Amino acid sequence: MKPNIFFTADHHFGHENIIKFSERPFESLEHMNEELIKRWNERIGENDTVYHLGDMSLGKPDFTKEILDRLNGNIHLIKGNHEGATLTYPKRFAFIKDYHELKIDEPENSNGKQKIILFHYAMRTWNGSHRGVWQLYGHSHGTLPDDELALSFDVGVDCHNFYPVSYEEVKEIMKKKKWTPPFAPRN
C-alpha cells in the first residue's frame, strides 16, 4: 500500500503569542503544543509522507527536537520565515527546501500526474498555474481570502481545525474551484 500524503503549515510550536495573534482556542502554550501533536498523530501514521510548509517551531532547539521526535511520518520541510530552531535538527527531515515542485501519480488526470507547487507563501501565479498545477501555502494563518478562481489554498493548521490535510482532501477542494484554463477554446 502506498503511503498517504499530507500537507500542513504554521504549527508555531512553543510560540505563546500565536494563541492571541491567530485567536487559537487553547488555554495555554502547553495545551496548544499537546493538542497540535495529538491531532498530527491522529491523522499521520509512521510511514505517511508529510509536507510541512513552514513555521514548524519558535521554541528553543532542545524543545523543538523533543516535539519533532514525537511527530509521526516522513516529514519534508519547506522553509518558512520562522525556522531557526527547526533547522538545528536537519536529520529529522526527508528534505529541507525553500520551494518544491511535487508530482503525484493521479490516474484521474490525462497525463497520469498532479503537479503541486509547495511554498511557504501564497503566490498569484506559479509554474503551470495556467495548466492546472496546484499551489499550496501557509504563512497567512487563514487571513487571506480564498481565491475560488485559483488552484491554490492555505494548508496551515489555523484553516483546518489544527489538523494536517490529506492529498485526497486537497483534491476535493480543488474540484470545487471555478478555475478554467485561460487558453482553453471558448464555445
Protein backbone atom coordinates (compact mmCIF):
# COMPACT_ATOMS: atom_id res chain seq x y z
CA MET A 1 0.00 0.00 0.00
CA LYS A 2 1.41 3.39 -0.89
CA PRO A 3 1.81 5.86 1.98
CA ASN A 4 -0.72 8.61 2.47
CA ILE A 5 0.40 12.14 1.67
CA PHE A 6 -0.42 15.10 3.93
CA PHE A 7 0.17 18.85 3.85
CA THR A 8 0.30 21.29 6.73
CA ALA A 9 1.97 24.51 7.92
CA ASP A 10 2.30 27.09 10.68
CA HIS A 11 2.27 24.99 13.84
CA HIS A 12 4.35 27.61 15.69
CA PHE A 13 5.17 25.10 18.46
CA GLY A 14 6.46 26.96 21.52
CA HIS A 15 5.04 30.33 20.41
CA GLU A 16 2.70 31.58 23.14
CA ASN A 17 1.66 34.79 21.37
CA ILE A 18 0.29 32.92 18.33
CA ILE A 19 -2.66 31.86 20.52
CA LYS A 20 -3.63 35.54 20.78
CA PHE A 21 -2.49 36.66 17.28
CA SER A 22 -4.40 33.90 15.48
CA GLU A 23 -7.20 33.53 18.06
CA ARG A 24 -6.36 29.88 18.61
CA PRO A 25 -8.75 28.10 21.01
CA PHE A 26 -6.12 26.93 23.50
CA GLU A 27 -5.91 27.94 27.13
CA SER A 28 -2.10 27.75 27.37
CA LEU A 29 1.07 27.14 25.39
CA GLU A 30 1.33 23.56 26.75
CA HIS A 31 -2.29 22.90 25.78
CA MET A 32 -1.64 24.14 22.23
CA ASN A 33 1.58 22.14 21.82
CA GLU A 34 -0.01 18.91 23.10
CA GLU A 35 -3.19 19.33 21.05
CA LEU A 36 -1.22 20.02 17.85
CA ILE A 37 0.90 16.89 18.41
CA LYS A 38 -2.22 14.81 19.16
CA ARG A 39 -4.07 16.00 16.04
CA TRP A 40 -0.97 15.46 13.86
CA ASN A 41 -0.55 11.87 15.10
CA GLU A 42 -4.29 11.11 14.85
CA ARG A 43 -4.08 11.67 11.09
CA ILE A 44 -0.50 10.76 10.22
CA GLY A 45 0.95 7.27 10.58
CA GLU A 46 4.59 6.28 10.93
CA ASN A 47 5.01 5.63 7.19
CA ASP A 48 2.92 8.52 5.88
CA THR A 49 4.52 11.40 3.97
CA VAL A 50 4.09 14.95 5.27
CA TYR A 51 4.97 18.19 3.51
CA HIS A 52 5.24 20.89 6.17
CA LEU A 53 5.13 24.31 4.50
CA GLY A 54 6.98 26.23 7.15
CA ASP A 55 6.94 27.78 10.62
CA MET A 56 7.18 24.50 12.49
CA SER A 57 8.50 25.80 15.82
CA LEU A 58 9.51 29.02 17.51
CA GLY A 59 10.76 27.17 20.59
CA LYS A 60 14.41 26.60 21.55
CA PRO A 61 16.39 23.86 19.73
CA ASP A 62 16.09 21.22 22.51
CA PHE A 63 12.35 21.82 22.88
CA THR A 64 11.92 21.69 19.10
CA LYS A 65 13.85 18.41 18.80
CA GLU A 66 11.63 16.87 21.51
CA ILE A 67 8.48 17.92 19.62
CA LEU A 68 9.80 16.70 16.25
CA ASP A 69 10.66 13.31 17.76
CA ARG A 70 7.02 12.91 18.86
CA LEU A 71 5.53 13.57 15.41
CA ASN A 72 4.70 10.64 13.11
CA GLY A 73 5.61 10.45 9.47
CA ASN A 74 8.30 11.09 6.94
CA ILE A 75 8.47 14.91 7.10
CA HIS A 76 9.61 17.13 4.23
CA LEU A 77 10.15 20.75 5.27
CA ILE A 78 9.56 23.74 3.04
CA LYS A 79 11.18 26.55 4.98
CA GLY A 80 9.06 29.36 6.39
CA ASN A 81 10.24 32.60 7.95
CA HIS A 82 10.49 31.12 11.49
CA GLU A 83 12.71 28.08 11.13
CA GLY A 84 15.75 28.82 13.32
CA ALA A 85 15.34 26.05 15.89
CA THR A 86 13.91 23.55 13.41
CA LEU A 87 16.98 23.81 11.18
CA THR A 88 19.21 22.72 14.10
CA TYR A 89 17.75 19.18 13.67
CA PRO A 90 18.03 18.58 9.90
CA LYS A 91 18.23 14.80 10.11
CA ARG A 92 14.56 14.65 11.23
CA PHE A 93 13.53 15.69 7.69
CA ALA A 94 13.50 13.77 4.41
CA PHE A 95 14.46 17.10 2.84
CA ILE A 96 14.61 20.80 3.65
CA LYS A 97 13.97 23.20 0.76
CA ASP A 98 12.78 26.75 0.12
CA TYR A 99 10.42 25.60 -2.66
CA HIS A 100 9.38 22.25 -4.14
CA GLU A 101 7.53 21.05 -7.23
CA LEU A 102 5.83 17.79 -6.26
CA LYS A 103 4.44 15.28 -8.77
CA ILE A 104 1.88 12.77 -7.55
CA ASP A 105 0.52 9.82 -9.54
CA GLU A 106 -3.06 10.77 -10.38
CA PRO A 107 -4.99 8.36 -12.64
CA GLU A 108 -7.87 10.87 -12.99
CA ASN A 109 -5.58 13.31 -14.88
CA SER A 110 -4.92 12.86 -18.59
CA ASN A 111 -1.15 12.73 -18.10
CA GLY A 112 -1.45 10.47 -15.02
CA LYS A 113 0.13 13.08 -12.70
CA GLN A 114 -0.84 16.01 -10.49
CA LYS A 115 1.82 18.64 -10.07
CA ILE A 116 1.76 20.74 -6.90
CA ILE A 117 3.90 23.79 -6.11
CA LEU A 118 4.79 23.87 -2.40
CA PHE A 119 5.90 27.22 -0.96
CA HIS A 120 5.51 28.93 2.43
CA TYR A 121 3.91 31.99 0.82
CA ALA A 122 0.82 32.35 -1.35
CA MET A 123 1.53 33.19 -4.98
CA ARG A 124 -0.74 34.88 -7.53
CA THR A 125 0.81 32.89 -10.35
CA TRP A 126 3.24 29.95 -10.41
CA ASN A 127 4.86 27.46 -12.75
CA GLY A 128 2.00 25.74 -14.60
CA SER A 129 -0.77 27.76 -12.91
CA HIS A 130 -2.45 28.17 -16.33
CA ARG A 131 -2.26 24.38 -16.86
CA GLY A 132 -3.97 23.02 -13.74
CA VAL A 133 -0.93 22.88 -11.44
CA TRP A 134 -1.90 23.47 -7.80
CA GLN A 135 -0.14 25.74 -5.30
CA LEU A 136 -0.28 25.07 -1.55
CA TYR A 137 0.95 27.59 1.02
CA GLY A 138 0.93 28.58 4.67
CA HIS A 139 2.16 31.78 6.35
CA SER A 140 -1.14 33.68 6.34
CA HIS A 141 -2.91 31.75 9.14
CA GLY A 142 -6.23 31.89 7.29
CA THR A 143 -6.20 35.68 6.87
CA LEU A 144 -6.10 35.63 3.05
CA PRO A 145 -9.48 35.24 1.36
CA ASP A 146 -9.52 32.04 -0.68
CA ASP A 147 -9.43 32.71 -4.43
CA GLU A 148 -12.01 30.33 -5.87
CA LEU A 149 -10.70 31.05 -9.37
CA ALA A 150 -7.17 29.87 -8.50
CA LEU A 151 -5.98 26.32 -7.83
CA SER A 152 -4.26 27.34 -4.61
CA PHE A 153 -5.07 27.41 -0.92
CA ASP A 154 -3.77 27.68 2.62
CA VAL A 155 -2.91 24.33 4.23
CA GLY A 156 -1.95 25.97 7.55
CA VAL A 157 -3.33 24.46 10.75
CA ASP A 158 -5.40 27.57 11.52
CA CYS A 159 -7.56 26.80 8.45
CA HIS A 160 -8.16 23.08 9.09
CA ASN A 161 -9.13 22.73 12.74
CA PHE A 162 -5.43 22.27 13.59
CA TYR A 163 -5.11 19.06 11.56
CA PRO A 164 -2.93 18.28 8.55
CA VAL A 165 -4.90 17.84 5.28
CA SER A 166 -4.56 14.78 3.07
CA TYR A 167 -3.90 14.77 -0.65
CA GLU A 168 -7.44 13.39 -1.15
CA GLU A 169 -8.93 16.31 0.81
CA VAL A 170 -6.88 18.80 -1.22
CA LYS A 171 -8.13 17.14 -4.43
CA GLU A 172 -11.77 17.52 -3.32
CA ILE A 173 -11.23 21.21 -2.51
CA MET A 174 -9.57 21.81 -5.90
CA LYS A 175 -12.50 20.12 -7.72
CA LYS A 176 -14.85 22.77 -6.23
CA LYS A 177 -12.79 25.69 -7.54
CA LYS A 178 -14.16 27.65 -10.50
CA TRP A 179 -10.79 27.63 -12.29
CA THR A 180 -10.78 27.30 -16.06
CA PRO A 181 -7.68 27.09 -18.26
CA PRO A 182 -7.07 30.65 -19.59
CA PHE A 183 -6.17 29.43 -23.08
CA ALA A 184 -8.96 26.87 -23.45
CA PRO A 185 -11.04 27.10 -26.63
CA ARG A 186 -14.17 29.19 -25.96
CA ASN A 187 -17.54 27.99 -27.25
